[in-house]
Amino acid sequence: MRVLGIDIGGSAIKGAPVDTATGRHLAGRFRIETPLQLSPVEMAEAAGMIGAHFRWRGPVGIGFPGVVHGGTILTSANLDKKFIGCDAQELFSKALGRPVAITNDAAAAGLAEMKFGAGRRFAGKALMLTLGTGIGSVLFFRGALFPCELGHLQMDGRDAERRVSAAARRRKGLTWKQWGRRLSLYVGTLEDLFWPELIIIGGGVSAKHDRFFKYITTRARLVPAEFLNEAGIVGAALWAEQERRS
């Protein structure tokens, strides 16, 4: 199936048509920077621009950085708070003029990595973290997906993502060693809670994993995401395919 995958992040919204049989983009991704917080209507308009760019007439999958129940958004830590309680499925479907399936962005990224990337053919317990503006998280066990919000666990009295996200590293001017050790403490806490066998680190920063992985101590096997920062687009498309078949 060919599906338009759209990944909404804290600093940009990007999308590309995806072949869900292979996980490959069918065209170069289209990215719209969002340096200012967009309202739900403005973000939907940006998604509509992505659809228009590709002249898209097929199904659409969207990954959103927050808790999503059905098509309704329940949390919005790093975007406009007006998203909370928003029927995003209806809003984005109207803007794109196409049926839309929406899910958590980390869950989408995890789908891509488990089917085509670092977790393919792995049937045990896997934890994936996406490090960007915030921290996305998702657990897998024998193929079953469980979206989490582990970035909001408390660390030194604050949400962990305020301490160990990729944005926090830049904001605080931390060296890779300083950040890696801080990240190691956080990952160690998650290991004690969930005992994963595989930990996948995603987000754009995963392309530089050689700079900070050496400072992270884990029991589980630690690997970088193979899709890097593109997993969200592919996974959003996979989610839309699953929803159409269910």
C-alpha atoms as a PDB file:
ATOM      1  CA  MET A   1       0.000   0.000   0.000  1.00  0.00           C
ATOM      2  CA  ARG A   2       1.102   3.577  -0.644  1.00  0.00           C
ATOM      3  CA  VAL A   3       0.415   5.881   2.284  1.00  0.00           C
ATOM      4  CA  LEU A   4       1.395   9.470   3.054  1.00  0.00           C
ATOM      5  CA  GLY A   5       3.203   9.483   6.401  1.00  0.00           C
ATOM      6  CA  ILE A   6       3.354  12.742   8.381  1.00  0.00           C
ATOM      7  CA  ASP A   7       5.486  13.248  11.485  1.00  0.00           C
ATOM      8  CA  ILE A   8       4.646  16.194  13.766  1.00  0.00           C
ATOM      9  CA  GLY A   9       7.526  17.319  15.976  1.00  0.00           C
ATOM     10  CA  GLY A  10       8.336  20.136  18.330  1.00  0.00           C
ATOM     11  CA  SER A  11      10.234  22.135  15.705  1.00  0.00           C
ATOM     12  CA  ALA A  12       8.921  20.902  12.360  1.00  0.00           C
ATOM     13  CA  ILE A  13       6.273  18.870  10.555  1.00  0.00           C
ATOM     14  CA  LYS A  14       7.455  16.624   7.753  1.00  0.00           C
ATOM     15  CA  GLY A  15       6.028  14.002   5.463  1.00  0.00           C
ATOM     16  CA  ALA A  16       6.580  11.718   2.500  1.00  0.00           C
ATOM     17  CA  PRO A  17       4.677   9.012   0.631  1.00  0.00           C
ATOM     18  CA  VAL A  18       5.739   5.554   1.816  1.00  0.00           C
ATOM     19  CA  ASP A  19       5.618   2.070   0.328  1.00  0.00           C
ATOM     20  CA  THR A  20       4.389   0.119   3.349  1.00  0.00           C
ATOM     21  CA  ALA A  21       5.640  -3.176   1.909  1.00  0.00           C
ATOM     22  CA  THR A  22       9.269  -2.004   2.008  1.00  0.00           C
ATOM     23  CA  GLY A  23       9.307   1.034   4.312  1.00  0.00           C
ATOM     24  CA  ARG A  24      10.883   3.143   1.585  1.00  0.00           C
ATOM     25  CA  HIS A  25       9.979   6.722   0.742  1.00  0.00           C
ATOM     26  CA  LEU A  26       8.467   7.086  -2.702  1.00  0.00           C
ATOM     27  CA  ALA A  27       9.616  10.711  -2.931  1.00  0.00           C
ATOM     28  CA  GLY A  28      11.858  13.072  -1.010  1.00  0.00           C
ATOM     29  CA  ARG A  29      10.383  14.230   2.260  1.00  0.00           C
ATOM     30  CA  PHE A  30       8.744  17.653   2.505  1.00  0.00           C
ATOM     31  CA  ARG A  31       9.511  19.567   5.708  1.00  0.00           C
ATOM     32  CA  ILE A  32       7.918  22.698   7.157  1.00  0.00           C
ATOM     33  CA  GLU A  33       9.759  24.398  10.003  1.00  0.00           C
ATOM     34  CA  THR A  34       7.576  25.411  12.964  1.00  0.00           C
ATOM     35  CA  PRO A  35       9.771  27.679  15.121  1.00  0.00           C
ATOM     36  CA  LEU A  36       6.634  29.145  16.688  1.00  0.00           C
ATOM     37  CA  GLN A  37       3.917  27.059  18.313  1.00  0.00           C
ATOM     38  CA  LEU A  38       1.148  26.474  15.821  1.00  0.00           C
ATOM     39  CA  SER A  39      -2.480  26.222  16.865  1.00  0.00           C
ATOM     40  CA  PRO A  40      -4.316  22.997  15.966  1.00  0.00           C
ATOM     41  CA  VAL A  41      -5.887  24.696  12.957  1.00  0.00           C
ATOM     42  CA  GLU A  42      -2.521  26.070  11.793  1.00  0.00           C
ATOM     43  CA  MET A  43      -0.848  22.675  12.211  1.00  0.00           C
ATOM     44  CA  ALA A  44      -3.649  21.040  10.243  1.00  0.00           C
ATOM     45  CA  GLU A  45      -3.116  23.630   7.503  1.00  0.00           C
ATOM     46  CA  ALA A  46       0.602  22.753   7.467  1.00  0.00           C
ATOM     47  CA  ALA A  47      -0.326  19.078   7.095  1.00  0.00           C
ATOM     48  CA  GLY A  48      -2.616  20.108   4.241  1.00  0.00           C
ATOM     49  CA  MET A  49       0.359  21.820   2.575  1.00  0.00           C
ATOM     50  CA  ILE A  50       2.280  18.544   2.738  1.00  0.00           C
ATOM     51  CA  GLY A  51      -0.639  16.733   1.115  1.00  0.00           C
ATOM     52  CA  ALA A  52      -0.884  19.404  -1.562  1.00  0.00           C
ATOM     53  CA  HIS A  53       2.873  19.238  -2.207  1.00  0.00           C
ATOM     54  CA  PHE A  54       2.552  15.563  -3.142  1.00  0.00           C
ATOM     55  CA  ARG A  55      -0.909  16.017  -4.724  1.00  0.00           C
ATOM     56  CA  TRP A  56      -1.941  13.189  -2.421  1.00  0.00           C
ATOM     57  CA  ARG A  57      -5.205  11.321  -2.951  1.00  0.00           C
ATOM     58  CA  GLY A  58      -4.651   8.226  -0.812  1.00  0.00           C
ATOM     59  CA  PRO A  59      -4.685   7.352   2.912  1.00  0.00           C
ATOM     60  CA  VAL A  60      -2.699   9.391   5.420  1.00  0.00           C
ATOM     61  CA  GLY A  61      -1.048   8.451   8.721  1.00  0.00           C
ATOM     62  CA  ILE A  62       0.064  11.035  11.285  1.00  0.00           C
ATOM     63  CA  GLY A  63       2.339  10.717  14.317  1.00  0.00           C
ATOM     64  CA  PHE A  64       1.697  13.246  17.101  1.00  0.00           C
ATOM     65  CA  PRO A  65       3.925  13.929  20.161  1.00  0.00           C
ATOM     66  CA  GLY A  66       1.394  13.219  22.894  1.00  0.00           C
ATOM     67  CA  VAL A  67      -1.134  10.739  24.190  1.00  0.00           C
ATOM     68  CA  VAL A  68      -3.683   9.839  21.508  1.00  0.00           C
ATOM     69  CA  HIS A  69      -6.855   7.871  22.332  1.00  0.00           C
ATOM     70  CA  GLY A  70      -8.805   7.013  19.243  1.00  0.00           C
ATOM     71  CA  GLY A  71      -8.466  10.182  17.222  1.00  0.00           C
ATOM     72  CA  THR A  72      -8.455  12.515  20.241  1.00  0.00           C
ATOM     73  CA  ILE A  73      -5.319  14.120  21.679  1.00  0.00           C
ATOM     74  CA  LEU A  74      -5.072  14.076  25.482  1.00  0.00           C
ATOM     75  CA  THR A  75      -1.645  15.647  26.126  1.00  0.00           C
ATOM     76  CA  SER A  76       0.551  18.184  24.354  1.00  0.00           C
ATOM     77  CA  ALA A  77       3.727  18.777  26.351  1.00  0.00           C
ATOM     78  CA  ASN A  78       5.764  20.524  23.653  1.00  0.00           C
ATOM     79  CA  LEU A  79       3.070  21.965  21.375  1.00  0.00           C
ATOM     80  CA  ASP A  80       0.109  24.306  21.756  1.00  0.00           C
ATOM     81  CA  LYS A  81      -2.049  23.300  24.738  1.00  0.00           C
ATOM     82  CA  LYS A  82      -5.129  23.816  22.567  1.00  0.00           C
ATOM     83  CA  PHE A  83      -4.405  20.380  21.125  1.00  0.00           C
ATOM     84  CA  ILE A  84      -5.590  18.841  24.403  1.00  0.00           C
ATOM     85  CA  GLY A  85      -9.083  17.470  23.867  1.00  0.00           C
ATOM     86  CA  CYS A  86      -8.867  18.093  20.123  1.00  0.00           C
ATOM     87  CA  ASP A  87     -10.458  15.587  17.746  1.00  0.00           C
ATOM     88  CA  ALA A  88      -7.336  15.490  15.615  1.00  0.00           C
ATOM     89  CA  GLN A  89      -8.583  12.782  13.314  1.00  0.00           C
ATOM     90  CA  GLU A  90     -11.476  14.955  12.208  1.00  0.00           C
ATOM     91  CA  LEU A  91      -9.376  18.135  12.084  1.00  0.00           C
ATOM     92  CA  PHE A  92      -6.570  16.695   9.963  1.00  0.00           C
ATOM     93  CA  SER A  93      -8.913  14.681   7.739  1.00  0.00           C
ATOM     94  CA  LYS A  94     -10.764  17.884   6.893  1.00  0.00           C
ATOM     95  CA  ALA A  95      -7.536  19.804   6.172  1.00  0.00           C
ATOM     96  CA  LEU A  96      -6.138  17.040   3.957  1.00  0.00           C
ATOM     97  CA  GLY A  97      -9.429  16.063   2.364  1.00  0.00           C
ATOM     98  CA  ARG A  98      -8.486  12.446   2.980  1.00  0.00           C
ATOM     99  CA  PRO A  99      -9.123   9.814   5.698  1.00  0.00           C
ATOM    100  CA  VAL A 100      -6.464  10.163   8.387  1.00  0.00           C
ATOM    101  CA  ALA A 101      -5.235   7.744  11.080  1.00  0.00           C
ATOM    102  CA  ILE A 102      -3.348   9.346  13.978  1.00  0.00           C
ATOM    103  CA  THR A 103      -1.153   7.809  16.680  1.00  0.00           C
ATOM    104  CA  ASN A 104       1.597   8.747  19.122  1.00  0.00           C
ATOM    105  CA  ASP A 105       4.794   9.721  17.292  1.00  0.00           C
ATOM    106  CA  ALA A 106       7.100   7.387  19.244  1.00  0.00           C
ATOM    107  CA  ALA A 107       4.682   4.525  18.684  1.00  0.00           C
ATOM    108  CA  ALA A 108       4.848   5.261  14.976  1.00  0.00           C
ATOM    109  CA  ALA A 109       8.645   5.365  15.016  1.00  0.00           C
ATOM    110  CA  GLY A 110       8.699   2.084  16.923  1.00  0.00           C
ATOM    111  CA  LEU A 111       6.487   0.407  14.332  1.00  0.00           C
ATOM    112  CA  ALA A 112       8.971   1.324  11.615  1.00  0.00           C
ATOM    113  CA  GLU A 113      12.007   0.142  13.568  1.00  0.00           C
ATOM    114  CA  MET A 114      10.425  -3.147  14.630  1.00  0.00           C
ATOM    115  CA  LYS A 115       9.239  -4.004  11.114  1.00  0.00           C
ATOM    116  CA  PHE A 116      12.079  -2.712   8.950  1.00  0.00           C
ATOM    117  CA  GLY A 117      14.840  -1.354  11.189  1.00  0.00           C
ATOM    118  CA  ALA A 118      16.872  -2.116  14.293  1.00  0.00           C
ATOM    119  CA  GLY A 119      14.197  -4.359  15.835  1.00  0.00           C
ATOM    120  CA  ARG A 120      13.257  -6.475  12.813  1.00  0.00           C
ATOM    121  CA  ARG A 121      13.012 -10.190  13.537  1.00  0.00           C
ATOM    122  CA  PHE A 122      13.287  -9.481  17.296  1.00  0.00           C
ATOM    123  CA  ALA A 123      10.423 -11.055  19.261  1.00  0.00           C
ATOM    124  CA  GLY A 124      11.437 -10.250  22.844  1.00  0.00           C
ATOM    125  CA  LYS A 125      10.825  -7.172  24.980  1.00  0.00           C
ATOM    126  CA  ALA A 126      12.087  -3.976  23.328  1.00  0.00           C
ATOM    127  CA  LEU A 127      12.113  -0.372  24.509  1.00  0.00           C
ATOM    128  CA  MET A 128      12.461   2.472  22.016  1.00  0.00           C
ATOM    129  CA  LEU A 129      13.230   6.053  22.986  1.00  0.00           C
ATOM    130  CA  THR A 130      13.110   8.966  20.548  1.00  0.00           C
ATOM    131  CA  LEU A 131      15.261  11.881  21.658  1.00  0.00           C
ATOM    132  CA  GLY A 132      14.346  15.264  20.237  1.00  0.00           C
ATOM    133  CA  THR A 133      12.459  18.261  21.612  1.00  0.00           C
ATOM    134  CA  GLY A 134      11.114  15.813  24.198  1.00  0.00           C
ATOM    135  CA  ILE A 135      11.441  12.086  24.822  1.00  0.00           C
ATOM    136  CA  GLY A 136       9.101   9.680  23.099  1.00  0.00           C
ATOM    137  CA  SER A 137       8.832   6.113  24.344  1.00  0.00           C
ATOM    138  CA  VAL A 138       7.229   2.842  23.334  1.00  0.00           C
ATOM    139  CA  LEU A 139       7.477  -0.778  24.481  1.00  0.00           C
ATOM    140  CA  PHE A 140       7.124  -3.889  22.330  1.00  0.00           C
ATOM    141  CA  PHE A 141       6.682  -7.497  23.391  1.00  0.00           C
ATOM    142  CA  ARG A 142       6.283 -10.229  20.804  1.00  0.00           C
ATOM    143  CA  GLY A 143       5.111  -7.641  18.316  1.00  0.00           C
ATOM    144  CA  ALA A 144       2.510  -6.028  20.592  1.00  0.00           C
ATOM    145  CA  LEU A 145       2.844  -2.240  20.824  1.00  0.00           C
ATOM    146  CA  PHE A 146       2.453  -0.310  24.084  1.00  0.00           C
ATOM    147  CA  PRO A 147       2.815   3.502  23.800  1.00  0.00           C
ATOM    148  CA  CYS A 148       4.270   5.128  26.926  1.00  0.00           C
ATOM    149  CA  GLU A 149       4.980   8.599  28.270  1.00  0.00           C
ATOM    150  CA  LEU A 150       8.256   7.799  30.041  1.00  0.00           C
ATOM    151  CA  GLY A 151       9.723  11.202  29.233  1.00  0.00           C
ATOM    152  CA  HIS A 152       7.554  12.558  32.025  1.00  0.00           C
ATOM    153  CA  LEU A 153       9.037  10.386  34.766  1.00  0.00           C
ATOM    154  CA  GLN A 154      10.549  12.586  37.447  1.00  0.00           C
ATOM    155  CA  MET A 155      14.310  13.112  37.455  1.00  0.00           C
ATOM    156  CA  ASP A 156      15.777  15.530  39.995  1.00  0.00           C
ATOM    157  CA  GLY A 157      12.268  16.907  40.568  1.00  0.00           C
ATOM    158  CA  ARG A 158      11.563  17.628  36.891  1.00  0.00           C
ATOM    159  CA  ASP A 159      10.243  15.770  33.878  1.00  0.00           C
ATOM    160  CA  ALA A 160      13.088  13.630  32.559  1.00  0.00           C
ATOM    161  CA  GLU A 161      12.774  15.132  29.093  1.00  0.00           C
ATOM    162  CA  ARG A 162      13.692  18.520  30.564  1.00  0.00           C
ATOM    163  CA  ARG A 163      16.977  16.933  31.681  1.00  0.00           C
ATOM    164  CA  VAL A 164      17.950  14.392  29.034  1.00  0.00           C
ATOM    165  CA  SER A 165      16.220  15.144  25.717  1.00  0.00           C
ATOM    166  CA  ALA A 166      18.367  16.154  22.762  1.00  0.00           C
ATOM    167  CA  ALA A 167      16.963  19.672  23.104  1.00  0.00           C
ATOM    168  CA  ALA A 168      18.022  19.740  26.774  1.00  0.00           C
ATOM    169  CA  ARG A 169      21.599  18.871  25.785  1.00  0.00           C
ATOM    170  CA  ARG A 170      21.727  21.830  23.404  1.00  0.00           C
ATOM    171  CA  ARG A 171      19.898  24.176  25.754  1.00  0.00           C
ATOM    172  CA  LYS A 172      22.210  23.428  28.669  1.00  0.00           C
ATOM    173  CA  GLY A 173      25.375  23.309  26.573  1.00  0.00           C
ATOM    174  CA  LEU A 174      26.256  19.814  27.825  1.00  0.00           C
ATOM    175  CA  THR A 175      29.199  17.928  26.377  1.00  0.00           C
ATOM    176  CA  TRP A 176      28.471  14.511  24.867  1.00  0.00           C
ATOM    177  CA  LYS A 177      30.088  12.921  27.921  1.00  0.00           C
ATOM    178  CA  GLN A 178      28.000  14.947  30.381  1.00  0.00           C
ATOM    179  CA  TRP A 179      24.815  14.245  28.470  1.00  0.00           C
ATOM    180  CA  GLY A 180      25.631  10.577  27.946  1.00  0.00           C
ATOM    181  CA  ARG A 181      26.152  10.005  31.657  1.00  0.00           C
ATOM    182  CA  ARG A 182      22.926  11.816  32.495  1.00  0.00           C
ATOM    183  CA  LEU A 183      21.134   9.756  29.864  1.00  0.00           C
ATOM    184  CA  SER A 184      22.668   6.601  31.345  1.00  0.00           C
ATOM    185  CA  LEU A 185      21.036   7.319  34.722  1.00  0.00           C
ATOM    186  CA  TYR A 186      17.673   7.771  33.048  1.00  0.00           C
ATOM    187  CA  VAL A 187      17.953   4.644  30.915  1.00  0.00           C
ATOM    188  CA  GLY A 188      19.063   2.697  33.993  1.00  0.00           C
ATOM    189  CA  THR A 189      15.860   3.704  35.773  1.00  0.00           C
ATOM    190  CA  LEU A 190      13.793   2.471  32.836  1.00  0.00           C
ATOM    191  CA  GLU A 191      15.707  -0.806  32.797  1.00  0.00           C
ATOM    192  CA  ASP A 192      14.921  -1.372  36.462  1.00  0.00           C
ATOM    193  CA  LEU A 193      11.238  -0.766  35.745  1.00  0.00           C
ATOM    194  CA  PHE A 194      10.749  -2.735  32.533  1.00  0.00           C
ATOM    195  CA  TRP A 195      13.745  -5.058  32.029  1.00  0.00           C
ATOM    196  CA  PRO A 196      13.883  -4.791  28.241  1.00  0.00           C
ATOM    197  CA  GLU A 197      16.161  -7.081  26.244  1.00  0.00           C
ATOM    198  CA  LEU A 198      16.718  -4.515  23.500  1.00  0.00           C
ATOM    199  CA  ILE A 199      16.879  -0.707  23.714  1.00  0.00           C
ATOM    200  CA  ILE A 200      16.643   1.352  20.533  1.00  0.00           C
ATOM    201  CA  ILE A 201      17.591   5.031  20.578  1.00  0.00           C
ATOM    202  CA  GLY A 202      15.973   7.100  17.838  1.00  0.00           C
ATOM    203  CA  GLY A 203      15.620  10.722  16.818  1.00  0.00           C
ATOM    204  CA  GLY A 204      18.064  12.763  14.768  1.00  0.00           C
ATOM    205  CA  VAL A 205      20.703  12.540  17.495  1.00  0.00           C
ATOM    206  CA  SER A 206      20.946   8.778  16.954  1.00  0.00           C
ATOM    207  CA  ALA A 207      23.069   9.539  13.877  1.00  0.00           C
ATOM    208  CA  LYS A 208      25.758  10.659  16.354  1.00  0.00           C
ATOM    209  CA  HIS A 209      25.389   7.671  18.677  1.00  0.00           C
ATOM    210  CA  ASP A 210      29.137   7.018  18.569  1.00  0.00           C
ATOM    211  CA  ARG A 211      29.610  10.221  20.588  1.00  0.00           C
ATOM    212  CA  PHE A 212      27.461   9.250  23.564  1.00  0.00           C
ATOM    213  CA  PHE A 213      26.669   5.507  23.559  1.00  0.00           C
ATOM    214  CA  LYS A 214      30.032   4.799  25.213  1.00  0.00           C
ATOM    215  CA  TYR A 215      28.835   6.669  28.308  1.00  0.00           C
ATOM    216  CA  ILE A 216      25.596   4.669  28.653  1.00  0.00           C
ATOM    217  CA  THR A 217      25.710   1.474  30.712  1.00  0.00           C
ATOM    218  CA  THR A 218      22.899  -1.014  30.094  1.00  0.00           C
ATOM    219  CA  ARG A 219      22.076  -4.661  30.708  1.00  0.00           C
ATOM    220  CA  ALA A 220      20.101  -4.792  27.484  1.00  0.00           C
ATOM    221  CA  ARG A 221      21.589  -4.568  24.021  1.00  0.00           C
ATOM    222  CA  LEU A 222      21.710  -0.869  23.063  1.00  0.00           C
ATOM    223  CA  VAL A 223      21.426   0.060  19.382  1.00  0.00           C
ATOM    224  CA  PRO A 224      20.741   3.198  17.326  1.00  0.00           C
ATOM    225  CA  ALA A 225      17.601   3.405  15.223  1.00  0.00           C
ATOM    226  CA  GLU A 226      18.275   2.544  11.603  1.00  0.00           C
ATOM    227  CA  PHE A 227      15.734   5.046  10.286  1.00  0.00           C
ATOM    228  CA  LEU A 228      17.341   7.822  12.386  1.00  0.00           C
ATOM    229  CA  ASN A 229      14.878  10.746  12.266  1.00  0.00           C
ATOM    230  CA  GLU A 230      12.752   9.254   9.464  1.00  0.00           C
ATOM    231  CA  ALA A 231      11.097   6.463  11.459  1.00  0.00           C
ATOM    232  CA  GLY A 232       8.103   8.634  12.363  1.00  0.00           C
ATOM    233  CA  ILE A 233       7.103   9.129   8.739  1.00  0.00           C
ATOM    234  CA  VAL A 234       7.375   5.439   7.880  1.00  0.00           C
ATOM    235  CA  GLY A 235       5.650   4.344  11.085  1.00  0.00           C
ATOM    236  CA  ALA A 236       2.771   6.786  10.628  1.00  0.00           C
ATOM    237  CA  ALA A 237       2.172   5.253   7.216  1.00  0.00           C
ATOM    238  CA  LEU A 238       2.274   1.739   8.713  1.00  0.00           C
ATOM    239  CA  TRP A 239      -0.242   2.776  11.364  1.00  0.00           C
ATOM    240  CA  ALA A 240      -2.658   4.064   8.727  1.00  0.00           C
ATOM    241  CA  GLU A 241      -2.316   0.780   6.846  1.00  0.00           C
ATOM    242  CA  GLN A 242      -3.067  -1.204  10.024  1.00  0.00           C
ATOM    243  CA  GLU A 243      -6.107   0.937  10.781  1.00  0.00           C
ATOM    244  CA  ARG A 244      -7.520   0.448   7.290  1.00  0.00           C
ATOM    245  CA  ARG A 245      -7.179  -3.323   7.648  1.00  0.00           C
ATOM    246  CA  SER A 246      -8.652  -3.553  11.153  1.00  0.00           C
END
